[in-house]
PDB file of N, CA and C in Angstrom:
ATOM      1  N   MET A   1       3.836   2.163  10.065  1.00  0.00           N
ATOM      2  CA  MET A   1       2.671   2.961   9.782  1.00  0.00           C
ATOM      3  C   MET A   1       1.585   2.076   9.165  1.00  0.00           C
ATOM      4  N   LEU A   2       0.363   2.502   9.380  1.00  0.00           N
ATOM      5  CA  LEU A   2      -0.805   1.824   8.823  1.00  0.00           C
ATOM      6  C   LEU A   2      -1.605   2.877   8.063  1.00  0.00           C
ATOM      7  N   TYR A   3      -2.098   2.518   6.881  1.00  0.00           N
ATOM      8  CA  TYR A   3      -2.836   3.475   6.058  1.00  0.00           C
ATOM      9  C   TYR A   3      -4.257   2.991   5.813  1.00  0.00           C
ATOM     10  N   ALA A   4      -5.211   3.907   5.915  1.00  0.00           N
ATOM     11  CA  ALA A   4      -6.611   3.672   5.563  1.00  0.00           C
ATOM     12  C   ALA A   4      -6.876   4.538   4.327  1.00  0.00           C
ATOM     13  N   ILE A   5      -7.075   3.877   3.190  1.00  0.00           N
ATOM     14  CA  ILE A   5      -7.187   4.597   1.919  1.00  0.00           C
ATOM     15  C   ILE A   5      -8.519   4.300   1.262  1.00  0.00           C
ATOM     16  N   ALA A   6      -9.190   5.370   0.835  1.00  0.00           N
ATOM     17  CA  ALA A   6     -10.461   5.311   0.102  1.00  0.00           C
ATOM     18  C   ALA A   6     -11.533   4.604   0.928  1.00  0.00           C
ATOM     19  N   GLY A   7     -12.489   3.991   0.262  1.00  0.00           N
ATOM     20  CA  GLY A   7     -13.600   3.337   0.938  1.00  0.00           C
ATOM     21  C   GLY A   7     -14.918   3.957   0.553  1.00  0.00           C
ATOM     22  N   ARG A   8     -15.932   3.620   1.301  1.00  0.00           N
ATOM     23  CA  ARG A   8     -17.285   4.049   0.965  1.00  0.00           C
ATOM     24  C   ARG A   8     -18.019   4.467   2.228  1.00  0.00           C
ATOM     25  N   ASN A   9     -18.795   5.527   2.117  1.00  0.00           N
ATOM     26  CA  ASN A   9     -19.685   5.977   3.181  1.00  0.00           C
ATOM     27  C   ASN A   9     -21.091   5.937   2.593  1.00  0.00           C
ATOM     28  N   GLY A  10     -21.808   4.851   2.863  1.00  0.00           N
ATOM     29  CA  GLY A  10     -23.108   4.661   2.224  1.00  0.00           C
ATOM     30  C   GLY A  10     -22.900   4.419   0.743  1.00  0.00           C
ATOM     31  N   ALA A  11     -23.474   5.251  -0.106  1.00  0.00           N
ATOM     32  CA  ALA A  11     -23.329   5.113  -1.558  1.00  0.00           C
ATOM     33  C   ALA A  11     -22.239   6.022  -2.123  1.00  0.00           C
ATOM     34  N   THR A  12     -21.511   6.733  -1.264  1.00  0.00           N
ATOM     35  CA  THR A  12     -20.499   7.690  -1.708  1.00  0.00           C
ATOM     36  C   THR A  12     -19.095   7.129  -1.529  1.00  0.00           C
ATOM     37  N   ASN A  13     -18.327   7.094  -2.637  1.00  0.00           N
ATOM     38  CA  ASN A  13     -16.928   6.691  -2.552  1.00  0.00           C
ATOM     39  C   ASN A  13     -16.101   7.839  -1.983  1.00  0.00           C
ATOM     40  N   LEU A  14     -15.041   7.483  -1.258  1.00  0.00           N
ATOM     41  CA  LEU A  14     -14.213   8.468  -0.564  1.00  0.00           C
ATOM     42  C   LEU A  14     -12.825   8.579  -1.178  1.00  0.00           C
ATOM     43  N   ARG A  15     -12.219   9.759  -1.038  1.00  0.00           N
ATOM     44  CA  ARG A  15     -10.838  10.000  -1.452  1.00  0.00           C
ATOM     45  C   ARG A  15      -9.899   9.977  -0.241  1.00  0.00           C
ATOM     46  N   ALA A  16     -10.341   9.445   0.856  1.00  0.00           N
ATOM     47  CA  ALA A  16      -9.593   9.481   2.117  1.00  0.00           C
ATOM     48  C   ALA A  16      -8.235   8.787   2.016  1.00  0.00           C
ATOM     49  N   ASN A  17      -7.291   9.306   2.759  1.00  0.00           N
ATOM     50  CA  ASN A  17      -5.985   8.681   2.953  1.00  0.00           C
ATOM     51  C   ASN A  17      -5.511   9.134   4.329  1.00  0.00           C
ATOM     52  N   GLU A  18      -5.542   8.214   5.276  1.00  0.00           N
ATOM     53  CA  GLU A  18      -5.143   8.546   6.643  1.00  0.00           C
ATOM     54  C   GLU A  18      -4.063   7.582   7.109  1.00  0.00           C
ATOM     55  N   GLU A  19      -3.132   8.116   7.883  1.00  0.00           N
ATOM     56  CA  GLU A  19      -1.978   7.356   8.351  1.00  0.00           C
ATOM     57  C   GLU A  19      -2.035   7.222   9.869  1.00  0.00           C
ATOM     58  N   PHE A  20      -1.865   5.989  10.353  1.00  0.00           N
ATOM     59  CA  PHE A  20      -1.830   5.728  11.796  1.00  0.00           C
ATOM     60  C   PHE A  20      -0.406   5.387  12.205  1.00  0.00           C
ATOM     61  N   ASP A  21       0.067   6.066  13.243  1.00  0.00           N
ATOM     62  CA  ASP A  21       1.399   5.817  13.789  1.00  0.00           C
ATOM     63  C   ASP A  21       1.234   5.095  15.122  1.00  0.00           C
ATOM     64  N   PRO A  22       1.513   3.797  15.196  1.00  0.00           N
ATOM     65  CA  PRO A  22       1.319   3.063  16.445  1.00  0.00           C
ATOM     66  C   PRO A  22       2.237   3.536  17.570  1.00  0.00           C
ATOM     67  N   ALA A  23       3.372   4.138  17.224  1.00  0.00           N
ATOM     68  CA  ALA A  23       4.293   4.624  18.255  1.00  0.00           C
ATOM     69  C   ALA A  23       3.699   5.786  19.046  1.00  0.00           C
ATOM     70  N   THR A  24       2.899   6.620  18.362  1.00  0.00           N
ATOM     71  CA  THR A  24       2.293   7.775  19.035  1.00  0.00           C
ATOM     72  C   THR A  24       0.795   7.598  19.255  1.00  0.00           C
ATOM     73  N   ASN A  25       0.223   6.516  18.675  1.00  0.00           N
ATOM     74  CA  ASN A  25      -1.215   6.248  18.762  1.00  0.00           C
ATOM     75  C   ASN A  25      -2.042   7.388  18.161  1.00  0.00           C
ATOM     76  N   ASN A  26      -1.530   7.965  17.073  1.00  0.00           N
ATOM     77  CA  ASN A  26      -2.206   9.097  16.430  1.00  0.00           C
ATOM     78  C   ASN A  26      -2.438   8.840  14.952  1.00  0.00           C
ATOM     79  N   TRP A  27      -3.558   9.395  14.462  1.00  0.00           N
ATOM     80  CA  TRP A  27      -3.891   9.406  13.039  1.00  0.00           C
ATOM     81  C   TRP A  27      -3.583  10.783  12.481  1.00  0.00           C
ATOM     82  N   ARG A  28      -3.210  10.841  11.193  1.00  0.00           N
ATOM     83  CA  ARG A  28      -3.097  12.133  10.511  1.00  0.00           C
ATOM     84  C   ARG A  28      -3.581  11.985   9.076  1.00  0.00           C
ATOM     85  N   VAL A  29      -4.154  13.050   8.559  1.00  0.00           N
ATOM     86  CA  VAL A  29      -4.678  13.076   7.201  1.00  0.00           C
ATOM     87  C   VAL A  29      -3.516  13.295   6.239  1.00  0.00           C
ATOM     88  N   ARG A  30      -3.491  12.504   5.168  1.00  0.00           N
ATOM     89  CA  ARG A  30      -2.476  12.615   4.127  1.00  0.00           C
ATOM     90  C   ARG A  30      -3.167  12.990   2.816  1.00  0.00           C
ATOM     91  N   ALA A  31      -2.404  13.149   1.752  1.00  0.00           N
ATOM     92  CA  ALA A  31      -2.964  13.528   0.448  1.00  0.00           C
ATOM     93  C   ALA A  31      -4.002  12.500   0.009  1.00  0.00           C
ATOM     94  N   GLY A  32      -5.166  12.982  -0.406  1.00  0.00           N
ATOM     95  CA  GLY A  32      -6.253  12.105  -0.821  1.00  0.00           C
ATOM     96  C   GLY A  32      -5.954  11.375  -2.122  1.00  0.00           C
ATOM     97  N   ILE A  33      -6.468  10.157  -2.232  1.00  0.00           N
ATOM     98  CA  ILE A  33      -6.300   9.373  -3.453  1.00  0.00           C
ATOM     99  C   ILE A  33      -6.997  10.103  -4.608  1.00  0.00           C
ATOM    100  N   PRO A  34      -6.382  10.172  -5.793  1.00  0.00           N
ATOM    101  CA  PRO A  34      -6.982  10.917  -6.902  1.00  0.00           C
ATOM    102  C   PRO A  34      -8.351  10.394  -7.332  1.00  0.00           C
ATOM    103  N   THR A  35      -8.551   9.064  -7.316  1.00  0.00           N
ATOM    104  CA  THR A  35      -9.804   8.472  -7.762  1.00  0.00           C
ATOM    105  C   THR A  35     -10.559   7.897  -6.566  1.00  0.00           C
ATOM    106  N   ALA A  36     -11.643   8.562  -6.171  1.00  0.00           N
ATOM    107  CA  ALA A  36     -12.464   8.040  -5.068  1.00  0.00           C
ATOM    108  C   ALA A  36     -13.013   6.682  -5.470  1.00  0.00           C
ATOM    109  N   ARG A  37     -12.920   5.707  -4.561  1.00  0.00           N
ATOM    110  CA  ARG A  37     -13.374   4.353  -4.895  1.00  0.00           C
ATOM    111  C   ARG A  37     -13.606   3.555  -3.621  1.00  0.00           C
ATOM    112  N   GLY A  38     -14.447   2.541  -3.738  1.00  0.00           N
ATOM    113  CA  GLY A  38     -14.680   1.598  -2.655  1.00  0.00           C
ATOM    114  C   GLY A  38     -14.397   0.201  -3.160  1.00  0.00           C
ATOM    115  N   GLY A  39     -14.144  -0.731  -2.265  1.00  0.00           N
ATOM    116  CA  GLY A  39     -13.900  -2.118  -2.642  1.00  0.00           C
ATOM    117  C   GLY A  39     -12.622  -2.322  -3.424  1.00  0.00           C
ATOM    118  N   LEU A  40     -11.592  -1.561  -3.133  1.00  0.00           N
ATOM    119  CA  LEU A  40     -10.345  -1.601  -3.880  1.00  0.00           C
ATOM    120  C   LEU A  40      -9.391  -2.676  -3.370  1.00  0.00           C
ATOM    121  N   GLY A  41      -8.333  -2.881  -4.121  1.00  0.00           N
ATOM    122  CA  GLY A  41      -7.241  -3.751  -3.708  1.00  0.00           C
ATOM    123  C   GLY A  41      -5.999  -2.899  -3.522  1.00  0.00           C
ATOM    124  N   SER A  42      -5.070  -3.368  -2.699  1.00  0.00           N
ATOM    125  CA  SER A  42      -3.836  -2.613  -2.498  1.00  0.00           C
ATOM    126  C   SER A  42      -2.705  -3.544  -2.093  1.00  0.00           C
ATOM    127  N   GLY A  43      -1.503  -3.039  -2.214  1.00  0.00           N
ATOM    128  CA  GLY A  43      -0.301  -3.758  -1.810  1.00  0.00           C
ATOM    129  C   GLY A  43       0.849  -2.769  -1.765  1.00  0.00           C
ATOM    130  N   THR A  44       2.025  -3.236  -1.417  1.00  0.00           N
ATOM    131  CA  THR A  44       3.188  -2.348  -1.387  1.00  0.00           C
ATOM    132  C   THR A  44       4.276  -2.879  -2.311  1.00  0.00           C
ATOM    133  N   LEU A  45       5.015  -1.947  -2.891  1.00  0.00           N
ATOM    134  CA  LEU A  45       6.129  -2.267  -3.759  1.00  0.00           C
ATOM    135  C   LEU A  45       7.112  -1.107  -3.681  1.00  0.00           C
ATOM    136  N   ARG A  46       8.356  -1.393  -3.344  1.00  0.00           N
ATOM    137  CA  ARG A  46       9.409  -0.367  -3.241  1.00  0.00           C
ATOM    138  C   ARG A  46       8.998   0.801  -2.339  1.00  0.00           C
ATOM    139  N   ASN A  47       8.461   0.481  -1.168  1.00  0.00           N
ATOM    140  CA  ASN A  47       8.071   1.480  -0.163  1.00  0.00           C
ATOM    141  C   ASN A  47       6.952   2.414  -0.630  1.00  0.00           C
ATOM    142  N   ARG A  48       6.191   1.986  -1.618  1.00  0.00           N
ATOM    143  CA  ARG A  48       5.040   2.757  -2.088  1.00  0.00           C
ATOM    144  C   ARG A  48       3.808   1.870  -2.046  1.00  0.00           C
ATOM    145  N   ILE A  49       2.648   2.487  -1.887  1.00  0.00           N
ATOM    146  CA  ILE A  49       1.390   1.747  -1.801  1.00  0.00           C
ATOM    147  C   ILE A  49       0.726   1.752  -3.172  1.00  0.00           C
ATOM    148  N   GLN A  50       0.443   0.576  -3.685  1.00  0.00           N
ATOM    149  CA  GLN A  50      -0.225   0.405  -4.970  1.00  0.00           C
ATOM    150  C   GLN A  50      -1.718   0.210  -4.714  1.00  0.00           C
ATOM    151  N   VAL A  51      -2.556   0.968  -5.395  1.00  0.00           N
ATOM    152  CA  VAL A  51      -4.010   0.869  -5.239  1.00  0.00           C
ATOM    153  C   VAL A  51      -4.609   0.618  -6.616  1.00  0.00           C
ATOM    154  N   PHE A  52      -5.501  -0.373  -6.700  1.00  0.00           N
ATOM    155  CA  PHE A  52      -6.069  -0.734  -7.994  1.00  0.00           C
ATOM    156  C   PHE A  52      -7.480  -1.276  -7.807  1.00  0.00           C
ATOM    157  N   GLY A  53      -8.222  -1.288  -8.918  1.00  0.00           N
ATOM    158  CA  GLY A  53      -9.590  -1.800  -8.874  1.00  0.00           C
ATOM    159  C   GLY A  53     -10.520  -0.862  -8.124  1.00  0.00           C
ATOM    160  N   GLY A  54     -11.519  -1.456  -7.540  1.00  0.00           N
ATOM    161  CA  GLY A  54     -12.519  -0.672  -6.827  1.00  0.00           C
ATOM    162  C   GLY A  54     -13.726  -0.417  -7.695  1.00  0.00           C
ATOM    163  N   GLU A  55     -14.830  -0.181  -7.052  1.00  0.00           N
ATOM    164  CA  GLU A  55     -16.090  -0.015  -7.751  1.00  0.00           C
ATOM    165  C   GLU A  55     -16.552   1.428  -7.729  1.00  0.00           C
ATOM    166  N   GLY A  56     -17.330   1.783  -8.757  1.00  0.00           N
ATOM    167  CA  GLY A  56     -17.953   3.087  -8.812  1.00  0.00           C
ATOM    168  C   GLY A  56     -19.101   3.174  -7.836  1.00  0.00           C
ATOM    169  N   ASP A  57     -19.740   4.324  -7.808  1.00  0.00           N
ATOM    170  CA  ASP A  57     -20.824   4.558  -6.853  1.00  0.00           C
ATOM    171  C   ASP A  57     -21.987   3.586  -7.019  1.00  0.00           C
ATOM    172  N   SER A  58     -22.188   3.056  -8.216  1.00  0.00           N
ATOM    173  CA  SER A  58     -23.313   2.145  -8.429  1.00  0.00           C
ATOM    174  C   SER A  58     -23.015   0.744  -7.896  1.00  0.00           C
ATOM    175  N   GLY A  59     -21.721   0.391  -7.748  1.00  0.00           N
ATOM    176  CA  GLY A  59     -21.337  -0.928  -7.303  1.00  0.00           C
ATOM    177  C   GLY A  59     -21.462  -1.992  -8.385  1.00  0.00           C
ATOM    178  N   ARG A  60     -21.701  -1.573  -9.634  1.00  0.00           N
ATOM    179  CA  ARG A  60     -21.841  -2.528 -10.736  1.00  0.00           C
ATOM    180  C   ARG A  60     -20.454  -2.959 -11.225  1.00  0.00           C
ATOM    181  N   PRO A  61     -20.236  -4.267 -11.487  1.00  0.00           N
ATOM    182  CA  PRO A  61     -18.919  -4.749 -11.911  1.00  0.00           C
ATOM    183  C   PRO A  61     -18.379  -4.062 -13.160  1.00  0.00           C
ATOM    184  N   GLU A  62     -19.251  -3.687 -14.090  1.00  0.00           N
ATOM    185  CA  GLU A  62     -18.766  -3.061 -15.319  1.00  0.00           C
ATOM    186  C   GLU A  62     -18.225  -1.653 -15.074  1.00  0.00           C
ATOM    187  N   GLN A  63     -18.387  -1.158 -13.868  1.00  0.00           N
ATOM    188  CA  GLN A  63     -17.850   0.155 -13.550  1.00  0.00           C
ATOM    189  C   GLN A  63     -16.643   0.054 -12.620  1.00  0.00           C
ATOM    190  N   THR A  64     -15.935  -1.061 -12.674  1.00  0.00           N
ATOM    191  CA  THR A  64     -14.699  -1.208 -11.908  1.00  0.00           C
ATOM    192  C   THR A  64     -13.643  -0.279 -12.498  1.00  0.00           C
ATOM    193  N   PHE A  65     -12.940   0.439 -11.641  1.00  0.00           N
ATOM    194  CA  PHE A  65     -11.947   1.402 -12.106  1.00  0.00           C
ATOM    195  C   PHE A  65     -10.748   0.718 -12.736  1.00  0.00           C
ATOM    196  N   GLU A  66     -10.272   1.281 -13.830  1.00  0.00           N
ATOM    197  CA  GLU A  66      -9.074   0.786 -14.499  1.00  0.00           C
ATOM    198  C   GLU A  66      -7.813   1.441 -13.965  1.00  0.00           C
ATOM    199  N   GLN A  67      -7.927   2.602 -13.312  1.00  0.00           N
ATOM    200  CA  GLN A  67      -6.758   3.332 -12.839  1.00  0.00           C
ATOM    201  C   GLN A  67      -5.982   2.540 -11.781  1.00  0.00           C
ATOM    202  N   HIS A  68      -4.677   2.512 -11.965  1.00  0.00           N
ATOM    203  CA  HIS A  68      -3.757   1.929 -10.991  1.00  0.00           C
ATOM    204  C   HIS A  68      -2.961   3.115 -10.449  1.00  0.00           C
ATOM    205  N   GLU A  69      -3.170   3.417  -9.178  1.00  0.00           N
ATOM    206  CA  GLU A  69      -2.528   4.587  -8.589  1.00  0.00           C
ATOM    207  C   GLU A  69      -1.530   4.157  -7.526  1.00  0.00           C
ATOM    208  N   GLU A  70      -0.508   4.997  -7.341  1.00  0.00           N
ATOM    209  CA  GLU A  70       0.573   4.680  -6.419  1.00  0.00           C
ATOM    210  C   GLU A  70       0.790   5.849  -5.471  1.00  0.00           C
ATOM    211  N   TYR A  71       0.873   5.536  -4.166  1.00  0.00           N
ATOM    212  CA  TYR A  71       1.099   6.558  -3.145  1.00  0.00           C
ATOM    213  C   TYR A  71       2.511   6.417  -2.589  1.00  0.00           C
ATOM    214  N   ASP A  72       3.221   7.544  -2.509  1.00  0.00           N
ATOM    215  CA  ASP A  72       4.556   7.588  -1.925  1.00  0.00           C
ATOM    216  C   ASP A  72       4.465   8.282  -0.565  1.00  0.00           C
ATOM    217  N   PRO A  73       4.514   7.531   0.531  1.00  0.00           N
ATOM    218  CA  PRO A  73       4.401   8.144   1.860  1.00  0.00           C
ATOM    219  C   PRO A  73       5.533   9.128   2.171  1.00  0.00           C
ATOM    220  N   ALA A  74       6.711   8.919   1.598  1.00  0.00           N
ATOM    221  CA  ALA A  74       7.847   9.800   1.883  1.00  0.00           C
ATOM    222  C   ALA A  74       7.610  11.221   1.374  1.00  0.00           C
ATOM    223  N   THR A  75       6.900  11.346   0.243  1.00  0.00           N
ATOM    224  CA  THR A  75       6.639  12.670  -0.328  1.00  0.00           C
ATOM    225  C   THR A  75       5.179  13.096  -0.211  1.00  0.00           C
ATOM    226  N   ASP A  76       4.320  12.192   0.288  1.00  0.00           N
ATOM    227  CA  ASP A  76       2.877  12.444   0.404  1.00  0.00           C
ATOM    228  C   ASP A  76       2.279  12.824  -0.939  1.00  0.00           C
ATOM    229  N   THR A  77       2.650  12.052  -1.981  1.00  0.00           N
ATOM    230  CA  THR A  77       2.148  12.322  -3.321  1.00  0.00           C
ATOM    231  C   THR A  77       1.610  11.046  -3.968  1.00  0.00           C
ATOM    232  N   TRP A  78       0.699  11.247  -4.924  1.00  0.00           N
ATOM    233  CA  TRP A  78       0.103  10.166  -5.700  1.00  0.00           C
ATOM    234  C   TRP A  78       0.537  10.275  -7.147  1.00  0.00           C
ATOM    235  N   GLY A  79       0.624   9.132  -7.820  1.00  0.00           N
ATOM    236  CA  GLY A  79       0.861   9.086  -9.248  1.00  0.00           C
ATOM    237  C   GLY A  79      -0.041   8.042  -9.867  1.00  0.00           C
ATOM    238  N   THR A  80      -0.368   8.195 -11.154  1.00  0.00           N
ATOM    239  CA  THR A  80      -1.180   7.225 -11.880  1.00  0.00           C
ATOM    240  C   THR A  80      -0.262   6.396 -12.749  1.00  0.00           C
ATOM    241  N   LEU A  81      -0.376   5.076 -12.632  1.00  0.00           N
ATOM    242  CA  LEU A  81       0.485   4.174 -13.389  1.00  0.00           C
ATOM    243  C   LEU A  81      -0.192   3.639 -14.633  1.00  0.00           C
ATOM    244  N   SER A  82      -1.509   3.645 -14.685  1.00  0.00           N
ATOM    245  CA  SER A  82      -2.223   3.207 -15.885  1.00  0.00           C
ATOM    246  C   SER A  82      -3.593   3.803 -15.912  1.00  0.00           C
TER     247      SER A  82
END
């Protein structure tokens, strides 16, 4: 599976979370990330997606998000780690 999480549409940060299944060539909407953000970082750990950083709507560095959120694809749920 491939995931497209958050991002920006113009000056608006998104809560998007979409999953692509290459076997079926289909996208589906999953539970939205709790903190809308653009310019984020992500990785995986123990079959969960870790999302951190990202900028606020102004794009100013001092407004980088501190929240570290984790997505569990098996349960389609988000949790906040910090």
